[in-house]
Amino acid sequence: MTGQATGDMAVSYSRQPSVRGRFFTAKRFVTPVLVVLVLGILLLWLSSLQLDSIERRTLNIDYIINRTREHLGLTIVASALVAVLAIPLGIALSRTRSKVVRGIVLGVANVGQATPAVGVIILLAIVWQTGYTTALMALVIYSFLPVLRNTLIGLQQVDESVRESARGMGMTPNQVLLHVELPLAVPVILAGLRTSLVFCVGVATIATFINAGGLGDMIVNGLKLQRYPVLITGAVLVACIALLIDWVAGIAEDLLRPRGT
């Protein structure tokens, strides 16, 4: 009896990972299903309205696709630039022992995020020019801090005993960084990138004020012309894009996370 009970417990225990795996796999589909549902409700609502000529010119598939492409272009390019610039800078800061240098760099990065996004974009447009490049710079400045800070924190939280063990195995400082510290810091760095992506989606709506396009065009036009179907459509599309990007980033975070962390 005892052996049978032990066997039954072992079988039930061995089945637990598969049950949990199915749970988390199903859980991953909640966000895209919710987005599809929201977009379906929006489409049904718009089809039930009597749209005027101005609303029909805005709420057509070509216009929406173009604005969405511009919005995604700003978001993805800005996030890629942030990753390319902030991660190496965070690594360099983790190597310096000067608290003054670290404080100055983090303070400057913090100013970019503490300043209202509209202020950053308008100031850059006044100093430089209007258009896509200025909006891209503003997005990079505004979303730089989360990646920089998380890179620094992720590297700092690696246990010193782990570094000493790696050095004891004959690894050089660069090998310790590449093969030990960065893999252990990956979850924290990816969390910063995920936050940066969502920031970019929201702030990119303001790019319309400096003629950089994006779904902000729909929102602003809906406000100015008091065409609420246009306004609501633009806002819902931005929210859905933010949810989907956060969902994709979450999956990437799970896949790239080192085993055992």
Protein backbone atom coordinates (compact mmCIF):
# COMPACT_ATOMS: atom_id res chain seq x y z
CA MET A 1 0.00 0.00 0.00
CA THR A 2 2.78 2.40 0.92
CA GLY A 3 4.59 1.71 -2.32
CA GLN A 4 1.39 2.21 -4.32
CA ALA A 5 0.63 5.49 -2.52
CA THR A 6 4.18 6.68 -3.12
CA GLY A 7 3.85 5.77 -6.78
CA ASP A 8 0.54 7.62 -7.05
CA MET A 9 2.11 10.69 -5.44
CA ALA A 10 5.04 10.52 -7.84
CA VAL A 11 2.68 10.28 -10.82
CA SER A 12 0.57 13.21 -9.63
CA TYR A 13 3.71 15.25 -8.95
CA SER A 14 5.10 14.48 -12.39
CA ARG A 15 1.88 15.70 -13.96
CA GLN A 16 1.99 19.07 -12.22
CA PRO A 17 4.48 20.76 -14.59
CA SER A 18 2.38 19.88 -17.63
CA VAL A 19 -0.76 21.27 -15.99
CA ARG A 20 1.07 24.44 -15.05
CA GLY A 21 2.58 24.61 -18.54
CA ARG A 22 -0.90 24.43 -20.09
CA PHE A 23 -2.10 27.12 -17.67
CA PHE A 24 0.67 29.56 -18.56
CA THR A 25 0.33 28.80 -22.26
CA ALA A 26 -3.38 29.56 -22.12
CA LYS A 27 -2.73 32.64 -20.01
CA ARG A 28 -0.48 34.05 -22.72
CA PHE A 29 -3.40 34.23 -25.14
CA VAL A 30 -5.55 36.41 -22.89
CA THR A 31 -4.08 39.70 -24.14
CA PRO A 32 -4.40 39.06 -27.92
CA VAL A 33 -7.92 37.68 -27.45
CA LEU A 34 -8.86 40.77 -25.47
CA VAL A 35 -7.38 43.05 -28.16
CA VAL A 36 -9.27 41.25 -30.92
CA LEU A 37 -12.47 41.49 -28.89
CA VAL A 38 -12.02 45.23 -28.30
CA LEU A 39 -11.26 45.87 -31.98
CA GLY A 40 -14.30 43.82 -32.99
CA ILE A 41 -16.53 45.85 -30.68
CA LEU A 42 -15.05 49.07 -32.07
CA LEU A 43 -15.71 47.94 -35.64
CA LEU A 44 -19.31 46.98 -34.85
CA TRP A 45 -19.86 50.32 -33.15
CA LEU A 46 -18.45 52.30 -36.08
CA SER A 47 -20.52 50.33 -38.58
CA SER A 48 -23.67 51.23 -36.64
CA LEU A 49 -22.99 54.98 -36.92
CA GLN A 50 -23.94 57.37 -39.69
CA LEU A 51 -20.52 58.86 -40.41
CA ASP A 52 -20.24 62.24 -42.12
CA SER A 53 -17.81 63.02 -44.95
CA ILE A 54 -15.02 64.16 -42.60
CA GLU A 55 -15.25 61.04 -40.48
CA ARG A 56 -15.32 58.79 -43.54
CA ARG A 57 -12.14 60.42 -44.88
CA THR A 58 -10.34 59.65 -41.63
CA LEU A 59 -11.87 56.30 -40.74
CA ASN A 60 -10.76 54.43 -43.84
CA ILE A 61 -8.41 51.49 -43.95
CA ASP A 62 -5.59 53.20 -45.89
CA TYR A 63 -5.43 56.17 -43.54
CA ILE A 64 -5.50 53.98 -40.43
CA ILE A 65 -2.80 51.63 -41.78
CA ASN A 66 -0.52 54.55 -42.68
CA ARG A 67 -0.91 56.17 -39.28
CA THR A 68 -0.36 52.84 -37.52
CA ARG A 69 2.76 52.17 -39.58
CA GLU A 70 4.15 55.59 -38.66
CA HIS A 71 3.37 54.99 -34.99
CA LEU A 72 5.00 51.57 -34.93
CA GLY A 73 7.99 52.88 -36.86
CA LEU A 74 8.63 55.60 -34.29
CA THR A 75 8.16 53.19 -31.39
CA ILE A 76 10.37 50.36 -32.66
CA VAL A 77 13.21 52.54 -33.97
CA ALA A 78 13.28 54.62 -30.77
CA SER A 79 13.30 51.49 -28.59
CA ALA A 80 16.12 49.96 -30.65
CA LEU A 81 18.18 53.14 -30.30
CA VAL A 82 17.55 53.18 -26.55
CA ALA A 83 18.74 49.59 -26.26
CA VAL A 84 21.87 50.25 -28.34
CA LEU A 85 22.78 53.37 -26.34
CA ALA A 86 21.53 52.69 -22.80
CA ILE A 87 22.74 49.12 -22.28
CA PRO A 88 26.44 49.84 -23.09
CA LEU A 89 26.25 53.02 -21.00
CA GLY A 90 24.77 51.05 -18.10
CA ILE A 91 27.59 48.50 -18.40
CA ALA A 92 30.17 51.31 -18.40
CA LEU A 93 28.58 52.89 -15.31
CA SER A 94 28.63 49.55 -13.48
CA ARG A 95 32.41 49.44 -14.10
CA THR A 96 33.16 52.89 -12.71
CA ARG A 97 33.77 53.39 -9.01
CA SER A 98 33.03 57.11 -9.16
CA LYS A 99 29.69 57.79 -7.53
CA VAL A 100 29.87 61.36 -8.87
CA VAL A 101 30.01 60.22 -12.51
CA ARG A 102 27.24 57.69 -11.92
CA GLY A 103 25.07 60.29 -10.21
CA ILE A 104 25.56 62.85 -12.99
CA VAL A 105 24.67 60.40 -15.77
CA LEU A 106 21.61 59.06 -13.94
CA GLY A 107 20.56 62.61 -13.06
CA VAL A 108 20.72 63.74 -16.69
CA ALA A 109 18.75 60.65 -17.78
CA ASN A 110 16.21 61.30 -15.04
CA VAL A 111 15.69 64.89 -16.26
CA GLY A 112 14.63 63.54 -19.65
CA GLN A 113 11.90 61.41 -18.10
CA ALA A 114 10.87 63.88 -15.40
CA THR A 115 10.21 66.58 -18.00
CA PRO A 116 6.72 66.29 -19.55
CA ALA A 117 6.84 64.54 -22.92
CA VAL A 118 5.15 67.47 -24.67
CA GLY A 119 7.82 69.79 -23.27
CA VAL A 120 10.65 67.60 -24.54
CA ILE A 121 9.19 67.40 -28.05
CA ILE A 122 8.33 71.10 -28.30
CA LEU A 123 11.73 72.22 -26.97
CA LEU A 124 13.54 70.00 -29.47
CA ALA A 125 11.33 71.30 -32.27
CA ILE A 126 12.11 74.90 -31.32
CA VAL A 127 15.85 74.31 -31.01
CA TRP A 128 16.17 72.04 -34.03
CA GLN A 129 13.33 71.36 -36.46
CA THR A 130 9.99 69.63 -36.77
CA GLY A 131 9.45 66.18 -38.20
CA TYR A 132 10.28 62.53 -37.72
CA THR A 133 13.89 62.88 -36.55
CA THR A 134 13.01 65.32 -33.78
CA ALA A 135 10.17 63.09 -32.56
CA LEU A 136 12.54 60.12 -32.59
CA MET A 137 15.09 61.99 -30.46
CA ALA A 138 12.38 63.00 -28.00
CA LEU A 139 11.24 59.39 -27.64
CA VAL A 140 14.80 58.23 -27.04
CA ILE A 141 15.37 60.90 -24.38
CA TYR A 142 12.07 60.17 -22.65
CA SER A 143 12.43 56.37 -22.54
CA PHE A 144 16.20 56.19 -21.90
CA LEU A 145 16.16 56.01 -18.09
CA PRO A 146 14.35 52.65 -17.53
CA VAL A 147 16.84 50.71 -19.66
CA LEU A 148 19.89 52.53 -18.25
CA ARG A 149 18.77 52.12 -14.65
CA ASN A 150 17.74 48.46 -15.06
CA THR A 151 21.04 47.59 -16.76
CA LEU A 152 22.96 49.15 -13.89
CA ILE A 153 20.79 47.50 -11.22
CA GLY A 154 20.86 44.11 -12.96
CA LEU A 155 24.65 44.07 -13.04
CA GLN A 156 25.01 45.40 -9.49
CA GLN A 157 22.77 42.71 -8.03
CA VAL A 158 24.99 39.86 -9.26
CA ASP A 159 26.44 38.20 -6.18
CA GLU A 160 30.11 39.02 -5.66
CA SER A 161 30.82 35.38 -4.79
CA VAL A 162 29.66 34.42 -8.30
CA ARG A 163 32.13 36.88 -9.82
CA GLU A 164 34.93 35.56 -7.61
CA SER A 165 34.13 31.99 -8.60
CA ALA A 166 34.28 32.93 -12.27
CA ARG A 167 37.60 34.71 -11.79
CA GLY A 168 38.87 31.70 -9.86
CA MET A 169 38.14 29.56 -12.92
CA GLY A 170 40.55 31.76 -14.90
CA MET A 171 38.03 34.01 -16.64
CA THR A 172 39.11 37.49 -17.69
CA PRO A 173 37.00 40.50 -16.63
CA ASN A 174 35.39 40.64 -20.10
CA GLN A 175 34.57 36.94 -19.97
CA VAL A 176 33.03 37.35 -16.53
CA LEU A 177 30.88 40.18 -17.90
CA LEU A 178 29.77 38.34 -21.05
CA HIS A 179 29.32 34.84 -19.66
CA VAL A 180 28.28 35.44 -16.05
CA GLU A 181 27.08 38.94 -15.23
CA LEU A 182 25.07 39.84 -18.34
CA PRO A 183 23.18 36.50 -18.48
CA LEU A 184 22.20 36.92 -14.82
CA ALA A 185 21.17 40.55 -15.44
CA VAL A 186 19.08 39.73 -18.53
CA PRO A 187 15.70 39.53 -16.71
CA VAL A 188 16.14 42.97 -15.17
CA ILE A 189 17.42 44.51 -18.43
CA LEU A 190 14.50 43.04 -20.39
CA ALA A 191 12.05 44.45 -17.85
CA GLY A 192 13.53 47.90 -18.51
CA LEU A 193 13.23 47.43 -22.28
CA ARG A 194 9.63 46.35 -21.86
CA THR A 195 8.85 49.50 -19.88
CA SER A 196 10.64 51.61 -22.49
CA LEU A 197 8.57 50.10 -25.31
CA VAL A 198 5.29 50.92 -23.58
CA PHE A 199 6.51 54.46 -22.85
CA CYS A 200 7.33 54.93 -26.53
CA VAL A 201 3.88 53.82 -27.67
CA GLY A 202 2.18 56.38 -25.46
CA VAL A 203 4.55 59.28 -26.08
CA ALA A 204 4.55 58.70 -29.86
CA THR A 205 0.98 60.05 -29.96
CA ILE A 206 2.39 63.52 -29.21
CA ALA A 207 4.59 63.37 -32.32
CA THR A 208 1.66 64.75 -34.29
CA PHE A 209 2.29 68.21 -32.76
CA ILE A 210 5.56 68.50 -34.70
CA ASN A 211 4.29 66.95 -37.92
CA ALA A 212 5.78 63.50 -37.32
CA GLY A 213 2.60 61.51 -37.97
CA GLY A 214 1.36 58.55 -36.00
CA LEU A 215 -2.00 57.74 -34.49
CA GLY A 216 -1.85 61.03 -32.60
CA ASP A 217 -3.13 62.60 -35.84
CA MET A 218 -6.44 60.83 -35.40
CA ILE A 219 -6.74 61.79 -31.74
CA VAL A 220 -5.93 65.46 -32.32
CA ASN A 221 -8.17 65.70 -35.40
CA GLY A 222 -11.00 64.12 -33.46
CA LEU A 223 -10.57 66.67 -30.68
CA LYS A 224 -10.24 69.70 -32.93
CA LEU A 225 -13.14 68.78 -35.20
CA GLN A 226 -15.25 67.30 -32.39
CA ARG A 227 -15.54 64.03 -34.25
CA TYR A 228 -15.70 61.60 -31.37
CA PRO A 229 -15.70 58.40 -33.46
CA VAL A 230 -12.32 59.49 -34.86
CA LEU A 231 -11.03 60.39 -31.40
CA ILE A 232 -12.17 57.13 -29.82
CA THR A 233 -10.82 55.04 -32.69
CA GLY A 234 -7.37 56.62 -32.41
CA ALA A 235 -7.29 56.18 -28.62
CA VAL A 236 -8.43 52.55 -28.80
CA LEU A 237 -5.84 51.72 -31.46
CA VAL A 238 -3.03 53.23 -29.36
CA ALA A 239 -4.18 51.27 -26.30
CA CYS A 240 -4.36 48.02 -28.30
CA ILE A 241 -0.87 48.56 -29.74
CA ALA A 242 0.50 49.17 -26.24
CA LEU A 243 -1.13 45.97 -24.97
CA LEU A 244 0.17 43.90 -27.89
CA ILE A 245 3.71 45.27 -27.63
CA ASP A 246 3.75 44.62 -23.90
CA TRP A 247 2.48 41.08 -24.59
CA VAL A 248 5.17 40.39 -27.20
CA ALA A 249 7.84 41.85 -24.91
CA GLY A 250 6.60 39.64 -22.08
CA ILE A 251 6.94 36.53 -24.24
CA ALA A 252 10.43 37.60 -25.33
CA GLU A 253 11.31 38.17 -21.69
CA ASP A 254 10.23 34.63 -20.80
CA LEU A 255 12.06 33.06 -23.74
CA LEU A 256 15.32 34.96 -23.21
CA ARG A 257 15.35 34.55 -19.44
CA PRO A 258 18.20 32.23 -18.42
CA ARG A 259 17.08 28.88 -17.04
CA GLY A 260 16.80 28.81 -13.30
CA THR A 261 16.15 32.54 -12.89
